[in-house]
Amino acid sequence: MTYEVVEVGQVHGVRPDVGVWHLHPLPGEPHAGVTTVAPAPVENLVALEIPLRLYRVEIRTTSAQQLVTVIEILSPVNKRPSHEAYLAYQRKRRDLLRSEVHLLEIDLLRGGERPPLERPVPPASYYIMLSRAERRPTVEVWPIQLTDRLPVLPVPLLEPDPDVPCDLGVTVASVYERGAYASQIDYGQPPPPLP
């Protein structure tokens, strides 16, 4: 009887995506102690860096594909000054803030350097910032504590259309379920230190 073990690679660390071990030889395979000659290798190249893909949500008009609102969900590299993606994000953010496009930034990361604002805001674990094109440089900021419910956010459209509500709590719950994070996160481990 052949027994196979299939292993799915871990999220953190460098391991193969899937590994299969045969503990007993399959029919047609050489038995233990029998040597076989491998075919000659073929030279190739390996990518030393995997391209980083960051996504955003864009709201455009259907007729002319005019960009109306950009929703940015900040990733750890957006908040790490030593990473090249940090500077790229700062440039993109600056360009959006100088345009006629609304910008909604969702920062659900406790670590890293937050996007700059002119004045201090109340301390919180998470922040959401909405910059409406017609109200700049004034922005709306939602400081959110760990114990707070995630808010229903207004997503601005073009006048005269009203804002569209986006229930952030429902959205995060949906991403958590679709991403199968319940099976990837070990909730038996002690939680990270909280302020």
C-alpha atoms as a PDB file:
ATOM      1  CA  MET A   1       0.000   0.000   0.000  1.00  0.00           C
ATOM      2  CA  THR A   2       1.345   3.436  -0.906  1.00  0.00           C
ATOM      3  CA  TYR A   3       1.072   6.220   1.647  1.00  0.00           C
ATOM      4  CA  GLU A   4       1.390   9.825   0.464  1.00  0.00           C
ATOM      5  CA  VAL A   5       1.810  12.992   2.494  1.00  0.00           C
ATOM      6  CA  VAL A   6       0.848  16.266   0.842  1.00  0.00           C
ATOM      7  CA  GLU A   7       2.083  19.467   2.439  1.00  0.00           C
ATOM      8  CA  VAL A   8       0.845  22.953   1.583  1.00  0.00           C
ATOM      9  CA  GLY A   9       3.515  25.630   1.983  1.00  0.00           C
ATOM     10  CA  GLN A  10       3.345  28.082   4.843  1.00  0.00           C
ATOM     11  CA  VAL A  11       2.446  31.730   4.312  1.00  0.00           C
ATOM     12  CA  HIS A  12       5.579  32.961   6.113  1.00  0.00           C
ATOM     13  CA  GLY A  13       8.902  31.440   5.161  1.00  0.00           C
ATOM     14  CA  VAL A  14      10.390  29.962   2.060  1.00  0.00           C
ATOM     15  CA  ARG A  15       9.051  26.466   1.466  1.00  0.00           C
ATOM     16  CA  PRO A  16       7.643  24.639  -1.520  1.00  0.00           C
ATOM     17  CA  ASP A  17       3.976  25.209  -2.252  1.00  0.00           C
ATOM     18  CA  VAL A  18       3.304  21.477  -2.235  1.00  0.00           C
ATOM     19  CA  GLY A  19       5.506  18.490  -1.437  1.00  0.00           C
ATOM     20  CA  VAL A  20       4.621  14.818  -1.911  1.00  0.00           C
ATOM     21  CA  TRP A  21       6.536  11.958  -0.303  1.00  0.00           C
ATOM     22  CA  HIS A  22       6.029   8.296  -1.244  1.00  0.00           C
ATOM     23  CA  LEU A  23       6.870   6.092   1.709  1.00  0.00           C
ATOM     24  CA  HIS A  24       6.576   2.874  -0.380  1.00  0.00           C
ATOM     25  CA  PRO A  25       7.520   2.511  -4.038  1.00  0.00           C
ATOM     26  CA  LEU A  26       4.701   2.696  -6.521  1.00  0.00           C
ATOM     27  CA  PRO A  27       4.277  -0.003  -9.192  1.00  0.00           C
ATOM     28  CA  GLY A  28       6.839   0.525 -11.942  1.00  0.00           C
ATOM     29  CA  GLU A  29       9.200   2.544  -9.699  1.00  0.00           C
ATOM     30  CA  PRO A  30      12.680   1.181  -8.971  1.00  0.00           C
ATOM     31  CA  HIS A  31      13.107  -0.558  -5.628  1.00  0.00           C
ATOM     32  CA  ALA A  32      15.360   0.701  -2.868  1.00  0.00           C
ATOM     33  CA  GLY A  33      19.009   0.259  -3.695  1.00  0.00           C
ATOM     34  CA  VAL A  34      18.499   0.429  -7.487  1.00  0.00           C
ATOM     35  CA  THR A  35      20.235   3.444  -9.027  1.00  0.00           C
ATOM     36  CA  THR A  36      18.881   5.258 -12.040  1.00  0.00           C
ATOM     37  CA  VAL A  37      20.623   7.861 -14.153  1.00  0.00           C
ATOM     38  CA  ALA A  38      18.944  11.252 -14.218  1.00  0.00           C
ATOM     39  CA  PRO A  39      18.532  12.988 -17.570  1.00  0.00           C
ATOM     40  CA  ALA A  40      20.982  15.778 -18.363  1.00  0.00           C
ATOM     41  CA  PRO A  41      19.965  19.080 -16.747  1.00  0.00           C
ATOM     42  CA  VAL A  42      18.840  22.063 -18.770  1.00  0.00           C
ATOM     43  CA  GLU A  43      20.113  25.465 -17.695  1.00  0.00           C
ATOM     44  CA  ASN A  44      17.597  28.211 -17.014  1.00  0.00           C
ATOM     45  CA  LEU A  45      17.279  31.360 -14.892  1.00  0.00           C
ATOM     46  CA  VAL A  46      15.414  31.935 -11.644  1.00  0.00           C
ATOM     47  CA  ALA A  47      13.756  35.223 -10.775  1.00  0.00           C
ATOM     48  CA  LEU A  48      15.621  36.713  -7.822  1.00  0.00           C
ATOM     49  CA  GLU A  49      12.704  38.951  -6.982  1.00  0.00           C
ATOM     50  CA  ILE A  50       9.034  38.232  -7.340  1.00  0.00           C
ATOM     51  CA  PRO A  51       7.238  41.309  -8.691  1.00  0.00           C
ATOM     52  CA  LEU A  52       5.157  43.040  -6.037  1.00  0.00           C
ATOM     53  CA  ARG A  53       1.582  43.641  -7.132  1.00  0.00           C
ATOM     54  CA  LEU A  54      -0.467  46.119  -5.144  1.00  0.00           C
ATOM     55  CA  TYR A  55      -4.104  46.628  -5.951  1.00  0.00           C
ATOM     56  CA  ARG A  56      -6.557  49.453  -5.479  1.00  0.00           C
ATOM     57  CA  VAL A  57     -10.236  49.949  -6.189  1.00  0.00           C
ATOM     58  CA  GLU A  58     -11.080  52.528  -8.840  1.00  0.00           C
ATOM     59  CA  ILE A  59     -14.512  53.989  -9.460  1.00  0.00           C
ATOM     60  CA  ARG A  60     -14.936  55.326 -12.984  1.00  0.00           C
ATOM     61  CA  THR A  61     -17.799  56.723 -15.020  1.00  0.00           C
ATOM     62  CA  THR A  62     -19.266  54.201 -17.436  1.00  0.00           C
ATOM     63  CA  SER A  63     -19.433  56.551 -20.398  1.00  0.00           C
ATOM     64  CA  ALA A  64     -15.952  58.113 -20.561  1.00  0.00           C
ATOM     65  CA  GLN A  65     -14.116  55.911 -18.013  1.00  0.00           C
ATOM     66  CA  GLN A  66     -13.302  59.068 -16.052  1.00  0.00           C
ATOM     67  CA  LEU A  67     -11.592  58.235 -12.754  1.00  0.00           C
ATOM     68  CA  VAL A  68     -13.835  59.476  -9.928  1.00  0.00           C
ATOM     69  CA  THR A  69     -12.688  57.810  -6.685  1.00  0.00           C
ATOM     70  CA  VAL A  70      -9.695  55.701  -5.683  1.00  0.00           C
ATOM     71  CA  ILE A  71      -9.907  53.414  -2.647  1.00  0.00           C
ATOM     72  CA  GLU A  72      -6.473  52.468  -1.333  1.00  0.00           C
ATOM     73  CA  ILE A  73      -6.117  49.662   1.217  1.00  0.00           C
ATOM     74  CA  LEU A  74      -2.658  50.222   2.658  1.00  0.00           C
ATOM     75  CA  SER A  75      -0.272  47.285   2.675  1.00  0.00           C
ATOM     76  CA  PRO A  76       2.779  46.927   4.947  1.00  0.00           C
ATOM     77  CA  VAL A  77       5.139  48.098   2.169  1.00  0.00           C
ATOM     78  CA  ASN A  78       3.078  51.301   1.752  1.00  0.00           C
ATOM     79  CA  LYS A  79       4.055  52.129   5.342  1.00  0.00           C
ATOM     80  CA  ARG A  80       7.713  51.002   5.368  1.00  0.00           C
ATOM     81  CA  PRO A  81       9.994  53.952   4.430  1.00  0.00           C
ATOM     82  CA  SER A  82      12.870  51.603   3.608  1.00  0.00           C
ATOM     83  CA  HIS A  83      10.860  49.827   0.875  1.00  0.00           C
ATOM     84  CA  GLU A  84      10.770  51.130  -2.714  1.00  0.00           C
ATOM     85  CA  ALA A  85       6.959  50.684  -2.759  1.00  0.00           C
ATOM     86  CA  TYR A  86       6.701  53.289   0.018  1.00  0.00           C
ATOM     87  CA  LEU A  87       8.119  56.052  -2.187  1.00  0.00           C
ATOM     88  CA  ALA A  88       6.028  54.891  -5.150  1.00  0.00           C
ATOM     89  CA  TYR A  89       2.894  55.061  -3.008  1.00  0.00           C
ATOM     90  CA  GLN A  90       3.802  58.528  -1.675  1.00  0.00           C
ATOM     91  CA  ARG A  91       4.204  59.776  -5.276  1.00  0.00           C
ATOM     92  CA  LYS A  92       0.907  58.197  -6.331  1.00  0.00           C
ATOM     93  CA  ARG A  93      -0.837  59.654  -3.278  1.00  0.00           C
ATOM     94  CA  ARG A  94       0.575  63.124  -3.989  1.00  0.00           C
ATOM     95  CA  ASP A  95      -0.608  62.933  -7.624  1.00  0.00           C
ATOM     96  CA  LEU A  96      -4.106  61.863  -6.539  1.00  0.00           C
ATOM     97  CA  LEU A  97      -4.314  64.680  -3.971  1.00  0.00           C
ATOM     98  CA  ARG A  98      -3.398  67.194  -6.705  1.00  0.00           C
ATOM     99  CA  SER A  99      -6.089  65.867  -9.042  1.00  0.00           C
ATOM    100  CA  GLU A 100      -9.876  66.060  -9.216  1.00  0.00           C
ATOM    101  CA  VAL A 101     -10.173  62.488  -7.905  1.00  0.00           C
ATOM    102  CA  HIS A 102     -11.539  61.574  -4.468  1.00  0.00           C
ATOM    103  CA  LEU A 103      -9.149  59.468  -2.349  1.00  0.00           C
ATOM    104  CA  LEU A 104     -10.268  57.038   0.355  1.00  0.00           C
ATOM    105  CA  GLU A 105      -7.341  55.494   2.273  1.00  0.00           C
ATOM    106  CA  ILE A 106      -8.026  52.532   4.538  1.00  0.00           C
ATOM    107  CA  ASP A 107      -5.238  51.767   7.007  1.00  0.00           C
ATOM    108  CA  LEU A 108      -6.009  48.648   9.041  1.00  0.00           C
ATOM    109  CA  LEU A 109      -2.361  48.065   9.959  1.00  0.00           C
ATOM    110  CA  ARG A 110      -1.109  48.960  13.417  1.00  0.00           C
ATOM    111  CA  GLY A 111       2.540  49.118  12.387  1.00  0.00           C
ATOM    112  CA  GLY A 112       4.504  51.261  10.006  1.00  0.00           C
ATOM    113  CA  GLU A 113       4.553  54.939   9.150  1.00  0.00           C
ATOM    114  CA  ARG A 114       1.142  56.438   8.482  1.00  0.00           C
ATOM    115  CA  PRO A 115       0.493  58.756   5.523  1.00  0.00           C
ATOM    116  CA  PRO A 116       1.225  62.313   6.628  1.00  0.00           C
ATOM    117  CA  LEU A 117      -1.416  64.810   7.747  1.00  0.00           C
ATOM    118  CA  GLU A 118      -0.864  68.474   8.641  1.00  0.00           C
ATOM    119  CA  ARG A 119      -2.222  68.221  12.210  1.00  0.00           C
ATOM    120  CA  PRO A 120      -2.179  65.388  14.754  1.00  0.00           C
ATOM    121  CA  VAL A 121      -5.247  63.182  15.073  1.00  0.00           C
ATOM    122  CA  PRO A 122      -6.391  61.226  18.137  1.00  0.00           C
ATOM    123  CA  PRO A 123      -4.272  58.123  18.700  1.00  0.00           C
ATOM    124  CA  ALA A 124      -5.868  54.939  17.386  1.00  0.00           C
ATOM    125  CA  SER A 125      -5.001  51.501  16.066  1.00  0.00           C
ATOM    126  CA  TYR A 126      -6.525  52.077  12.633  1.00  0.00           C
ATOM    127  CA  TYR A 127      -7.266  55.127  10.498  1.00  0.00           C
ATOM    128  CA  ILE A 128      -9.408  55.867   7.512  1.00  0.00           C
ATOM    129  CA  MET A 129      -8.940  59.087   5.582  1.00  0.00           C
ATOM    130  CA  LEU A 130     -11.288  60.521   2.968  1.00  0.00           C
ATOM    131  CA  SER A 131     -10.083  63.378   0.802  1.00  0.00           C
ATOM    132  CA  ARG A 132     -12.897  64.795  -1.307  1.00  0.00           C
ATOM    133  CA  ALA A 133     -11.568  66.628  -4.343  1.00  0.00           C
ATOM    134  CA  GLU A 134     -13.784  69.695  -3.807  1.00  0.00           C
ATOM    135  CA  ARG A 135     -12.833  70.063  -0.094  1.00  0.00           C
ATOM    136  CA  ARG A 136      -9.039  69.805  -0.255  1.00  0.00           C
ATOM    137  CA  PRO A 137      -6.891  70.372   1.699  1.00  0.00           C
ATOM    138  CA  THR A 138      -9.483  69.459   4.364  1.00  0.00           C
ATOM    139  CA  VAL A 139      -9.869  65.704   4.886  1.00  0.00           C
ATOM    140  CA  GLU A 140     -12.151  63.544   7.007  1.00  0.00           C
ATOM    141  CA  VAL A 141     -10.326  61.141   9.353  1.00  0.00           C
ATOM    142  CA  TRP A 142     -11.821  58.221  11.260  1.00  0.00           C
ATOM    143  CA  PRO A 143      -9.536  57.107  14.140  1.00  0.00           C
ATOM    144  CA  ILE A 144     -10.654  53.557  15.012  1.00  0.00           C
ATOM    145  CA  GLN A 145      -9.785  51.688  18.199  1.00  0.00           C
ATOM    146  CA  LEU A 146      -9.449  47.891  18.325  1.00  0.00           C
ATOM    147  CA  THR A 147     -12.683  47.736  20.319  1.00  0.00           C
ATOM    148  CA  ASP A 148     -14.641  49.863  17.810  1.00  0.00           C
ATOM    149  CA  ARG A 149     -16.841  48.445  15.083  1.00  0.00           C
ATOM    150  CA  LEU A 150     -15.562  49.185  11.615  1.00  0.00           C
ATOM    151  CA  PRO A 151     -17.670  52.021  10.199  1.00  0.00           C
ATOM    152  CA  VAL A 152     -19.891  52.327   7.168  1.00  0.00           C
ATOM    153  CA  LEU A 153     -17.863  54.638   4.940  1.00  0.00           C
ATOM    154  CA  PRO A 154     -19.153  57.188   2.450  1.00  0.00           C
ATOM    155  CA  VAL A 155     -17.701  56.593  -1.017  1.00  0.00           C
ATOM    156  CA  PRO A 156     -18.033  59.837  -3.004  1.00  0.00           C
ATOM    157  CA  LEU A 157     -19.192  59.905  -6.604  1.00  0.00           C
ATOM    158  CA  LEU A 158     -19.610  62.792  -9.065  1.00  0.00           C
ATOM    159  CA  GLU A 159     -22.207  65.462  -8.361  1.00  0.00           C
ATOM    160  CA  PRO A 160     -25.212  65.219  -8.217  1.00  0.00           C
ATOM    161  CA  ASP A 161     -24.930  61.518  -7.267  1.00  0.00           C
ATOM    162  CA  PRO A 162     -24.929  60.881  -3.502  1.00  0.00           C
ATOM    163  CA  ASP A 163     -22.192  58.979  -1.675  1.00  0.00           C
ATOM    164  CA  VAL A 164     -22.407  55.191  -1.788  1.00  0.00           C
ATOM    165  CA  PRO A 165     -22.195  53.487   1.628  1.00  0.00           C
ATOM    166  CA  CYS A 166     -19.460  50.868   2.057  1.00  0.00           C
ATOM    167  CA  ASP A 167     -19.852  48.728   5.190  1.00  0.00           C
ATOM    168  CA  LEU A 168     -16.195  48.136   6.048  1.00  0.00           C
ATOM    169  CA  GLY A 169     -17.017  45.523   8.721  1.00  0.00           C
ATOM    170  CA  VAL A 170     -18.972  43.396   6.240  1.00  0.00           C
ATOM    171  CA  THR A 171     -16.240  43.837   3.626  1.00  0.00           C
ATOM    172  CA  VAL A 172     -13.458  42.720   6.001  1.00  0.00           C
ATOM    173  CA  ALA A 173     -15.545  39.729   7.164  1.00  0.00           C
ATOM    174  CA  SER A 174     -16.090  38.703   3.536  1.00  0.00           C
ATOM    175  CA  VAL A 175     -12.352  38.946   2.732  1.00  0.00           C
ATOM    176  CA  TYR A 176     -11.553  36.937   5.885  1.00  0.00           C
ATOM    177  CA  GLU A 177     -13.952  34.180   4.862  1.00  0.00           C
ATOM    178  CA  ARG A 178     -12.972  34.070   1.170  1.00  0.00           C
ATOM    179  CA  GLY A 179      -9.272  34.082   2.023  1.00  0.00           C
ATOM    180  CA  ALA A 180      -9.756  31.143   4.445  1.00  0.00           C
ATOM    181  CA  TYR A 181      -7.804  33.026   7.117  1.00  0.00           C
ATOM    182  CA  ALA A 182      -9.482  30.968   9.865  1.00  0.00           C
ATOM    183  CA  SER A 183      -7.495  27.939   8.664  1.00  0.00           C
ATOM    184  CA  GLN A 184      -4.254  29.912   8.141  1.00  0.00           C
ATOM    185  CA  ILE A 185      -4.054  31.719  11.479  1.00  0.00           C
ATOM    186  CA  ASP A 186      -3.189  29.790  14.631  1.00  0.00           C
ATOM    187  CA  TYR A 187      -5.536  31.282  17.203  1.00  0.00           C
ATOM    188  CA  GLY A 188      -3.975  29.047  19.878  1.00  0.00           C
ATOM    189  CA  GLN A 189      -0.903  31.301  19.877  1.00  0.00           C
ATOM    190  CA  PRO A 190      -0.780  34.263  22.271  1.00  0.00           C
ATOM    191  CA  PRO A 191      -1.887  37.497  20.581  1.00  0.00           C
ATOM    192  CA  PRO A 192       0.728  40.126  19.680  1.00  0.00           C
ATOM    193  CA  PRO A 193       1.275  42.807  22.313  1.00  0.00           C
ATOM    194  CA  LEU A 194      -1.378  45.504  22.174  1.00  0.00           C
ATOM    195  CA  PRO A 195      -1.064  49.084  23.428  1.00  0.00           C
END
